């Protein structure tokens, strides 16, 4: 009976989420409802609920999670200061004389925005509003234009400092310590957000490189689908050099400052995020885009996102307690251990489930609900924590792109003109999904893609 209630709890919660109810209240409400049912049927010990205050207190006092509002503030402030608009215009001028140049520009700007904002929805919407009209005006194939924007916009999932990696870093760290304690290791090693940031660099750059290779291949074999910008619309060299220096250098320096301070150990992610927030204000002020109304709007958006994240985390903590009270962890552990293929079979199934869940749930829900259940089991089986974290991040990024439910597709559909059909968007992302799967396969086959750099830097 207990096993069935654990399964029904998961399925019921998933169904409630699909009905559109708020995620935090769906998780917490479903768990409390099933805890009542379990208490009445004698299959659940209410003592598990006594840990809820400690869980909430631990969540709110977690210094690492303070980085979330700071990174969100940094990203929103850069968005409001029109950094993206200037970057697109500049990179478009740099590469625009080449066939496929606009697409390459969008990819590079998407990478820079990913490194400076880390917010997928904001990046896709911003790129869609700014670059899609320009690409269509230049005669780009709608499928290539929309596919490039969607794929580039999702780079915020994998390119550090990604909010996804910050959240995953906290969850993977806890799971790794739990896995070591389960193995009788009472002085456990730790894994940090900096480890995940370093681990994501090589796969992230490989992904960006393959995007660009794909666009170059189209430019070579089908140049009419990605025409260059006419000479009369391009700036002369002297003006362009000056524009590159004034537009490209400041945000790149900010990215290097934030990332570099984390990766070298000079600052914690939270401290680096605070530096990034101040740097974003300075950049906005230098562009005369900083004012009290803009600051209020940025603070309002930051507060909304932060409140959402922490409410989901609290709801997920209640869900995890009740799920564990029903023995759900043991059920999942026994199931994964019984799969054919050992670690490979378990990892394959988990990746497939996460990929499918990514169609319906946001990365925050998956990170807080599913990963804490499966990660300790996989880590106990000998999976490297950094490799697992990057595999999950890359997997969720792929699901963001995959029709018919990929979130990135919905974001772009909301801002794309009516002349571009939904089928154009769906068919446009297919080559990029193939590229994603190639990188995911390479990472699965060569875990050192993710583990080499952290081991080199941190020994």
Protein backbone atom coordinates (compact mmCIF):
# COMPACT_ATOMS: atom_id res chain seq x y z
CA UNK A 1 0.00 0.00 0.00
CA UNK A 2 2.82 2.40 0.92
CA UNK A 3 4.57 1.84 -2.41
CA UNK A 4 1.37 2.60 -4.32
CA UNK A 5 0.81 5.82 -2.38
CA UNK A 6 4.33 7.01 -3.22
CA UNK A 7 3.66 6.35 -6.91
CA UNK A 8 0.20 7.92 -6.77
CA UNK A 9 1.64 11.00 -5.03
CA UNK A 10 4.08 11.56 -7.90
CA UNK A 11 1.43 10.97 -10.59
CA UNK A 12 -1.18 13.10 -8.80
CA UNK A 13 1.25 15.99 -8.39
CA UNK A 14 2.26 15.75 -12.05
CA UNK A 15 -1.41 15.83 -13.08
CA UNK A 16 -2.12 18.88 -10.93
CA UNK A 17 0.85 20.68 -12.50
CA UNK A 18 -0.45 19.88 -16.00
CA UNK A 19 -3.79 21.44 -15.05
CA UNK A 20 -1.95 24.73 -14.62
CA UNK A 21 -2.06 25.21 -10.86
CA UNK A 22 0.82 27.18 -9.29
CA UNK A 23 3.83 24.91 -8.96
CA UNK A 24 4.75 25.69 -5.35
CA UNK A 25 1.24 25.12 -4.04
CA UNK A 26 0.74 22.05 -6.24
CA UNK A 27 3.84 20.41 -4.75
CA UNK A 28 3.16 21.33 -1.14
CA UNK A 29 -0.61 20.85 -1.32
CA UNK A 30 -0.45 17.44 -2.98
CA UNK A 31 2.14 16.25 -0.46
CA UNK A 32 0.10 17.41 2.54
CA UNK A 33 -3.06 15.83 1.10
CA UNK A 34 -1.34 12.47 0.68
CA UNK A 35 0.27 12.73 4.11
CA UNK A 36 -3.24 13.04 5.54
CA UNK A 37 -4.39 10.02 3.54
CA UNK A 38 -1.33 8.09 4.69
CA UNK A 39 -1.89 9.06 8.32
CA UNK A 40 -5.54 7.96 8.18
CA UNK A 41 -4.57 4.64 6.57
CA UNK A 42 -1.63 4.08 8.91
CA UNK A 43 0.95 4.12 6.09
CA UNK A 44 2.62 7.45 6.89
CA UNK A 45 4.38 8.67 10.02
CA UNK A 46 3.41 12.32 10.71
CA UNK A 47 6.81 12.79 12.40
CA UNK A 48 8.25 13.45 8.93
CA UNK A 49 6.26 16.70 8.81
CA UNK A 50 8.03 17.95 11.93
CA UNK A 51 11.10 18.54 9.75
CA UNK A 52 9.28 21.10 7.57
CA UNK A 53 10.24 24.17 9.71
CA UNK A 54 13.90 23.10 9.67
CA UNK A 55 13.77 22.60 5.90
CA UNK A 56 12.27 26.07 5.35
CA UNK A 57 14.77 27.66 7.73
CA UNK A 58 17.64 25.90 5.97
CA UNK A 59 16.40 27.07 2.58
CA UNK A 60 16.10 30.71 3.62
CA UNK A 61 19.49 30.72 5.36
CA UNK A 62 21.35 29.09 2.45
CA UNK A 63 23.96 31.67 1.43
CA UNK A 64 24.44 30.09 -2.00
CA UNK A 65 20.81 30.70 -2.93
CA UNK A 66 21.28 34.42 -2.27
CA UNK A 67 23.12 34.40 -5.61
CA UNK A 68 19.78 33.77 -7.38
CA UNK A 69 18.21 37.24 -6.86
CA UNK A 70 21.57 38.88 -7.52
CA UNK A 71 22.10 37.09 -10.85
CA UNK A 72 18.47 37.80 -11.81
CA UNK A 73 18.96 41.48 -10.96
CA UNK A 74 22.15 41.56 -13.05
CA UNK A 75 20.42 39.96 -16.04
CA UNK A 76 17.31 42.13 -15.93
CA UNK A 77 19.35 45.31 -15.51
CA UNK A 78 21.48 44.43 -18.56
CA UNK A 79 18.31 43.68 -20.50
CA UNK A 80 16.75 47.05 -19.61
CA UNK A 81 19.97 48.88 -20.51
CA UNK A 82 19.64 47.59 -24.11
CA UNK A 83 22.98 45.79 -24.02
CA UNK A 84 21.48 43.06 -26.21
CA UNK A 85 20.31 45.53 -28.84
CA UNK A 86 23.76 47.13 -29.12
CA UNK A 87 25.51 43.74 -29.20
CA UNK A 88 23.28 42.46 -32.00
CA UNK A 89 23.82 45.58 -34.06
CA UNK A 90 27.61 45.47 -33.54
CA UNK A 91 28.08 41.76 -34.21
CA UNK A 92 25.75 42.02 -37.18
CA UNK A 93 28.04 44.66 -38.65
CA UNK A 94 31.14 42.55 -37.93
CA UNK A 95 29.87 39.36 -39.57
CA UNK A 96 27.11 40.79 -41.75
CA UNK A 97 29.20 40.92 -44.91
CA UNK A 98 29.36 37.12 -44.95
CA UNK A 99 26.62 34.72 -45.96
CA UNK A 100 25.22 33.39 -42.68
CA UNK A 101 26.86 36.28 -40.85
CA UNK A 102 23.67 37.43 -39.16
CA UNK A 103 23.00 33.92 -37.88
CA UNK A 104 26.54 33.68 -36.52
CA UNK A 105 26.08 37.08 -34.88
CA UNK A 106 22.86 35.93 -33.21
CA UNK A 107 24.63 32.80 -31.92
CA UNK A 108 27.57 34.76 -30.47
CA UNK A 109 25.28 37.36 -28.89
CA UNK A 110 23.15 34.54 -27.49
CA UNK A 111 26.27 33.11 -25.87
CA UNK A 112 27.22 36.51 -24.42
CA UNK A 113 23.71 37.11 -23.12
CA UNK A 114 23.69 33.62 -21.63
CA UNK A 115 26.89 34.45 -19.79
CA UNK A 116 25.55 37.78 -18.58
CA UNK A 117 21.89 37.04 -17.83
CA UNK A 118 21.44 33.27 -17.56
CA UNK A 119 17.66 33.64 -18.08
CA UNK A 120 16.38 31.61 -21.04
CA UNK A 121 12.95 33.20 -21.43
CA UNK A 122 14.29 36.75 -21.37
CA UNK A 123 17.05 35.90 -23.86
CA UNK A 124 14.75 34.21 -26.39
CA UNK A 125 12.17 37.00 -26.20
CA UNK A 126 14.82 39.71 -26.47
CA UNK A 127 16.55 38.03 -29.41
CA UNK A 128 13.22 37.38 -31.09
CA UNK A 129 12.13 40.99 -30.83
CA UNK A 130 15.48 42.44 -31.91
CA UNK A 131 17.01 40.03 -34.43
CA UNK A 132 14.08 38.22 -36.08
CA UNK A 133 12.74 41.30 -37.96
CA UNK A 134 16.27 42.11 -39.15
CA UNK A 135 16.91 38.55 -40.34
CA UNK A 136 13.61 38.38 -42.18
CA UNK A 137 14.26 41.79 -43.77
CA UNK A 138 17.62 40.52 -45.09
CA UNK A 139 15.94 37.53 -46.74
CA UNK A 140 16.79 34.79 -44.25
CA UNK A 141 14.87 31.53 -44.44
CA UNK A 142 12.27 31.68 -41.61
CA UNK A 143 13.22 28.21 -40.41
CA UNK A 144 16.91 29.04 -40.07
CA UNK A 145 16.17 32.39 -38.44
CA UNK A 146 13.77 31.01 -35.84
CA UNK A 147 15.87 27.90 -35.19
CA UNK A 148 18.99 29.98 -34.59
CA UNK A 149 17.19 32.32 -32.18
CA UNK A 150 15.59 29.50 -30.18
CA UNK A 151 18.82 27.51 -29.94
CA UNK A 152 20.97 30.53 -29.05
CA UNK A 153 18.44 31.65 -26.46
CA UNK A 154 18.64 28.34 -24.58
CA UNK A 155 22.41 28.68 -24.09
CA UNK A 156 21.55 30.34 -20.78
CA UNK A 157 20.93 26.81 -19.49
CA UNK A 158 24.53 25.68 -19.94
CA UNK A 159 26.82 28.72 -20.32
CA UNK A 160 27.90 29.97 -16.85
CA UNK A 161 27.01 31.85 -14.76
CA UNK A 162 23.73 30.03 -15.38
CA UNK A 163 20.94 30.13 -12.82
CA UNK A 164 20.28 26.50 -13.73
CA UNK A 165 23.83 25.59 -12.71
CA UNK A 166 23.55 27.57 -9.46
CA UNK A 167 20.41 25.67 -8.48
CA UNK A 168 21.84 22.36 -9.67
CA UNK A 169 25.04 23.06 -7.77
CA UNK A 170 23.13 23.34 -4.51
CA UNK A 171 21.05 20.20 -5.17
CA UNK A 172 23.97 18.09 -6.48
CA UNK A 173 26.13 19.15 -3.52
CA UNK A 174 23.49 17.99 -1.03
CA UNK A 175 22.90 14.77 -2.99
CA UNK A 176 26.64 14.05 -3.15
CA UNK A 177 27.03 14.44 0.60
CA UNK A 178 23.98 12.23 1.20
CA UNK A 179 25.36 9.58 -1.19
CA UNK A 180 28.71 9.53 0.61
CA UNK A 181 27.04 9.24 4.01
CA UNK A 182 24.95 6.33 2.69
CA UNK A 183 28.23 4.67 1.71
CA UNK A 184 29.67 5.13 5.20
CA UNK A 185 31.93 8.05 4.30
CA UNK A 186 31.61 10.43 7.26
CA UNK A 187 34.03 13.09 6.03
CA UNK A 188 32.42 13.66 2.63
CA UNK A 189 33.98 15.58 -0.22
CA UNK A 190 32.03 18.51 -1.62
CA UNK A 191 31.10 19.70 -5.08
CA UNK A 192 30.62 23.44 -5.64
CA UNK A 193 28.88 25.71 -8.10
CA UNK A 194 32.36 26.67 -9.33
CA UNK A 195 32.95 23.02 -10.25
CA UNK A 196 29.79 23.00 -12.36
CA UNK A 197 30.66 26.35 -13.95
CA UNK A 198 34.05 25.00 -15.00
CA UNK A 199 32.55 21.69 -16.08
CA UNK A 200 30.03 23.47 -18.33
CA UNK A 201 32.59 25.57 -20.21
CA UNK A 202 33.92 22.93 -22.62
CA UNK A 203 30.52 21.37 -23.52
CA UNK A 204 29.03 24.87 -23.80
CA UNK A 205 31.71 26.14 -26.19
CA UNK A 206 31.57 22.90 -28.21
CA UNK A 207 27.82 23.43 -28.56
CA UNK A 208 28.26 27.05 -29.71
CA UNK A 209 31.00 25.96 -32.13
CA UNK A 210 28.76 23.30 -33.71
CA UNK A 211 25.93 25.84 -34.06
CA UNK A 212 28.30 28.10 -35.99
CA UNK A 213 29.64 25.20 -38.09
CA UNK A 214 26.06 24.34 -39.07
CA UNK A 215 25.39 27.94 -40.17
CA UNK A 216 28.65 28.05 -42.11
CA UNK A 217 27.70 24.82 -43.88
CA UNK A 218 24.38 26.36 -44.95
CA UNK A 219 26.22 29.48 -46.12
CA UNK A 220 28.49 27.32 -48.29
CA UNK A 221 25.90 24.98 -49.79
CA UNK A 222 22.72 27.10 -49.70
CA UNK A 223 23.84 30.75 -49.51
CA UNK A 224 20.47 32.03 -50.76
CA UNK A 225 18.89 30.97 -47.46
CA UNK A 226 21.32 33.09 -45.36
CA UNK A 227 22.24 36.13 -47.50
CA UNK A 228 24.79 38.75 -46.34
CA UNK A 229 23.97 42.34 -45.45
CA UNK A 230 24.29 44.59 -48.54
CA UNK A 231 27.46 46.69 -48.65
CA UNK A 232 25.52 49.96 -48.53
CA UNK A 233 24.03 48.98 -45.13
CA UNK A 234 27.37 48.20 -43.52
CA UNK A 235 29.53 50.69 -41.63
CA UNK A 236 33.04 51.69 -42.64
CA UNK A 237 35.93 50.05 -40.83
CA UNK A 238 36.89 52.95 -38.55
CA UNK A 239 33.35 53.40 -37.21
CA UNK A 240 32.99 49.67 -36.76
CA UNK A 241 36.22 49.31 -34.76
CA UNK A 242 35.12 52.08 -32.41
CA UNK A 243 31.67 50.50 -32.03
CA UNK A 244 33.17 47.10 -31.22
CA UNK A 245 35.40 48.62 -28.53
CA UNK A 246 32.63 50.62 -26.87
CA UNK A 247 29.86 47.98 -27.10
CA UNK A 248 31.59 44.61 -26.83
CA UNK A 249 34.36 45.22 -24.29
CA UNK A 250 32.29 46.40 -21.25
CA UNK A 251 29.89 43.40 -21.03
CA UNK A 252 32.75 40.97 -21.79
CA UNK A 253 34.80 42.50 -18.98
CA UNK A 254 31.82 42.16 -16.64
CA UNK A 255 31.43 38.49 -17.58
CA UNK A 256 35.15 37.85 -17.08
CA UNK A 257 35.07 39.66 -13.74
CA UNK A 258 32.09 37.65 -12.44
CA UNK A 259 33.15 34.26 -13.79
CA UNK A 260 36.84 34.77 -13.12
CA UNK A 261 36.31 35.66 -9.47
CA UNK A 262 34.27 32.47 -8.96
CA UNK A 263 36.54 30.12 -10.89
CA UNK A 264 39.74 31.40 -9.27
CA UNK A 265 38.23 31.14 -5.80
CA UNK A 266 38.59 34.85 -5.08
CA UNK A 267 34.84 35.17 -4.48
CA UNK A 268 31.91 32.89 -3.78
CA UNK A 269 29.08 32.78 -6.36
CA UNK A 270 27.03 35.05 -4.12
CA UNK A 271 29.83 37.61 -3.79
CA UNK A 272 30.54 37.47 -7.53
CA UNK A 273 26.83 37.93 -8.28
CA UNK A 274 26.78 41.06 -6.13
CA UNK A 275 29.76 42.41 -8.07
CA UNK A 276 27.92 41.59 -11.30
CA UNK A 277 24.82 43.43 -10.10
CA UNK A 278 26.85 46.57 -9.31
CA UNK A 279 28.64 46.21 -12.66
CA UNK A 280 25.29 45.99 -14.48
CA UNK A 281 24.20 49.23 -12.79
CA UNK A 282 27.46 50.91 -13.86
CA UNK A 283 27.00 49.73 -17.48
CA UNK A 284 23.40 50.96 -17.50
CA UNK A 285 24.47 54.32 -16.08
CA UNK A 286 27.26 54.65 -18.65
CA UNK A 287 24.64 54.20 -21.39
CA UNK A 288 22.34 56.69 -19.63
CA UNK A 289 19.77 53.95 -19.17
CA UNK A 290 19.72 54.02 -15.38
CA UNK A 291 16.91 55.82 -13.61
CA UNK A 292 14.61 55.38 -10.62
CA UNK A 293 11.69 54.05 -12.75
CA UNK A 294 14.02 51.50 -14.43
CA UNK A 295 15.45 50.49 -11.04
CA UNK A 296 11.93 49.98 -9.66
CA UNK A 297 11.00 47.82 -12.65
CA UNK A 298 14.18 45.73 -12.31
CA UNK A 299 13.62 45.28 -8.57
CA UNK A 300 9.99 44.27 -9.14
CA UNK A 301 10.97 41.63 -11.71
CA UNK A 302 13.78 40.37 -9.50
CA UNK A 303 11.45 40.08 -6.52
CA UNK A 304 8.84 38.18 -8.55
CA UNK A 305 11.37 35.66 -9.90
CA UNK A 306 13.07 35.22 -6.52
CA UNK A 307 9.77 34.71 -4.70
CA UNK A 308 8.74 32.13 -7.30
CA UNK A 309 12.01 30.21 -6.96
CA UNK A 310 11.94 30.12 -3.15
CA UNK A 311 8.25 29.22 -2.95
CA UNK A 312 8.86 26.33 -5.35
CA UNK A 313 11.85 25.25 -3.27
CA UNK A 314 9.74 25.24 -0.09
CA UNK A 315 6.94 23.29 -1.83
CA UNK A 316 9.49 20.84 -3.21
CA UNK A 317 10.99 20.33 0.27
CA UNK A 318 7.56 19.36 1.65
CA UNK A 319 7.00 17.06 -1.33
CA UNK A 320 10.40 15.39 -0.81
CA UNK A 321 9.69 14.79 2.89
CA UNK A 322 6.33 13.16 2.24
CA UNK A 323 7.67 11.16 -0.71
CA UNK A 324 10.47 9.87 1.53
CA UNK A 325 7.95 9.13 4.27
CA UNK A 326 6.15 6.78 1.90
CA UNK A 327 9.42 5.05 1.08
CA UNK A 328 9.60 6.57 -2.38
CA UNK A 329 13.39 6.91 -2.27
CA UNK A 330 13.77 3.19 -1.60
CA UNK A 331 11.37 2.33 -4.41
CA UNK A 332 13.30 4.44 -6.93
CA UNK A 333 16.64 3.08 -5.67
CA UNK A 334 15.53 -0.55 -5.96
CA UNK A 335 14.10 0.09 -9.42
CA UNK A 336 17.24 1.75 -10.77
CA UNK A 337 19.48 -0.94 -9.31
CA UNK A 338 17.34 -3.65 -10.92
CA UNK A 339 17.64 -2.23 -14.44
CA UNK A 340 19.74 -4.14 -16.97
CA UNK A 341 23.01 -2.45 -17.88
CA UNK A 342 23.87 -1.30 -14.37
CA UNK A 343 24.95 2.34 -14.14
CA UNK A 344 24.52 2.87 -17.89
CA UNK A 345 20.93 1.59 -17.83
CA UNK A 346 20.03 3.66 -14.79
CA UNK A 347 21.62 6.81 -16.22
CA UNK A 348 19.93 6.30 -19.59
CA UNK A 349 16.50 5.93 -18.00
CA UNK A 350 16.96 8.97 -15.76
CA UNK A 351 18.10 11.11 -18.71
CA UNK A 352 15.09 9.96 -20.75
CA UNK A 353 12.67 10.75 -17.93
CA UNK A 354 14.20 14.20 -17.37
CA UNK A 355 14.06 14.88 -21.11
CA UNK A 356 10.35 14.01 -21.25
CA UNK A 357 9.55 15.97 -18.08
CA UNK A 358 11.28 18.97 -19.66
CA UNK A 359 8.40 19.15 -22.16
CA UNK A 360 5.93 19.94 -19.38
CA UNK A 361 7.85 21.29 -16.38
CA UNK A 362 10.27 24.17 -16.01
CA UNK A 363 13.87 23.44 -15.02
CA UNK A 364 13.22 24.80 -11.52
CA UNK A 365 10.55 22.19 -10.74
CA UNK A 366 12.68 19.39 -12.21
CA UNK A 367 15.76 20.54 -10.30
CA UNK A 368 13.97 20.73 -6.97
CA UNK A 369 11.63 17.74 -7.29
CA UNK A 370 13.17 15.04 -9.49
CA UNK A 371 16.92 15.58 -9.17
CA UNK A 372 17.00 15.22 -5.34
CA UNK A 373 15.29 11.83 -5.72
CA UNK A 374 17.50 10.30 -8.42
CA UNK A 375 20.85 12.08 -7.91
CA UNK A 376 21.83 10.43 -4.58
CA UNK A 377 21.08 7.00 -6.06
CA UNK A 378 23.17 7.61 -9.19
CA UNK A 379 26.01 9.11 -7.15
CA UNK A 380 25.98 6.08 -4.86
CA UNK A 381 26.39 3.95 -8.00
CA UNK A 382 29.65 5.78 -8.76
CA UNK A 383 28.55 8.54 -11.16
CA UNK A 384 30.75 11.67 -11.06
CA UNK A 385 28.76 14.59 -9.57
CA UNK A 386 30.10 17.26 -11.95
CA UNK A 387 29.44 15.09 -14.99
CA UNK A 388 25.92 14.30 -13.71
CA UNK A 389 25.15 18.00 -13.19
CA UNK A 390 26.30 18.99 -16.69
CA UNK A 391 24.46 16.05 -18.28
CA UNK A 392 21.23 17.15 -16.57
CA UNK A 393 21.71 20.81 -17.58
CA UNK A 394 22.43 19.90 -21.21
CA UNK A 395 19.53 17.46 -21.25
CA UNK A 396 17.07 20.06 -19.97
CA UNK A 397 18.39 22.55 -22.51
CA UNK A 398 17.60 20.05 -25.27
CA UNK A 399 14.07 19.51 -23.96
CA UNK A 400 13.57 23.30 -24.00
CA UNK A 401 14.02 23.12 -27.79
CA UNK A 402 12.06 19.97 -28.62
CA UNK A 403 8.60 20.23 -30.27
CA UNK A 404 5.78 20.30 -29.51
CA UNK A 405 6.18 21.53 -25.93
CA UNK A 406 9.63 23.13 -25.78
CA UNK A 407 9.44 26.32 -23.69
CA UNK A 408 11.84 28.17 -25.99
CA UNK A 409 9.46 27.58 -28.90
CA UNK A 410 6.57 29.07 -26.95
CA UNK A 411 8.63 32.11 -25.98
CA UNK A 412 9.52 32.82 -29.61
CA UNK A 413 6.01 32.08 -30.89
CA UNK A 414 4.74 34.77 -28.53
CA UNK A 415 6.86 37.51 -30.14
CA UNK A 416 7.21 36.23 -33.74
CA UNK A 417 5.08 37.92 -36.44
CA UNK A 418 2.05 36.09 -37.82
CA UNK A 419 3.81 35.64 -41.17
CA UNK A 420 6.04 33.01 -39.51
CA UNK A 421 4.13 29.79 -38.94
CA UNK A 422 4.51 27.55 -35.90
CA UNK A 423 5.63 24.75 -38.23
CA UNK A 424 8.52 26.98 -39.40
CA UNK A 425 9.66 27.33 -35.79
CA UNK A 426 9.29 23.60 -35.10
CA UNK A 427 11.14 22.55 -38.26
CA UNK A 428 13.79 25.23 -37.76
CA UNK A 429 14.94 23.85 -34.42
CA UNK A 430 15.29 20.23 -35.60
CA UNK A 431 18.92 20.57 -36.84
CA UNK A 432 19.86 22.26 -33.56
CA UNK A 433 18.21 19.45 -31.59
CA UNK A 434 20.41 17.01 -33.54
CA UNK A 435 23.46 19.09 -32.59
CA UNK A 436 22.33 19.07 -28.94
CA UNK A 437 21.98 15.29 -29.00
CA UNK A 438 25.43 14.95 -30.59
CA UNK A 439 27.01 17.01 -27.79
CA UNK A 440 25.01 15.12 -25.17
CA UNK A 441 26.23 11.83 -26.67
CA UNK A 442 29.82 13.08 -26.75
CA UNK A 443 29.56 14.11 -23.12
CA UNK A 444 28.07 10.73 -22.19
CA UNK A 445 30.89 8.91 -24.00
CA UNK A 446 33.66 11.23 -22.76
CA UNK A 447 32.82 12.42 -19.24
CA UNK A 448 36.20 14.17 -19.19
CA UNK A 449 34.61 16.91 -21.32
CA UNK A 450 32.98 18.04 -18.07
CA UNK A 451 35.45 16.80 -15.46
CA UNK A 452 38.80 17.72 -17.03
CA UNK A 453 38.74 21.47 -16.38
CA UNK A 454 37.57 21.30 -12.73
CA UNK A 455 40.26 18.69 -12.00
CA UNK A 456 42.88 20.85 -13.73
CA UNK A 457 41.95 24.02 -11.84
CA UNK A 458 41.07 22.61 -8.43
CA UNK A 459 43.27 19.52 -8.56
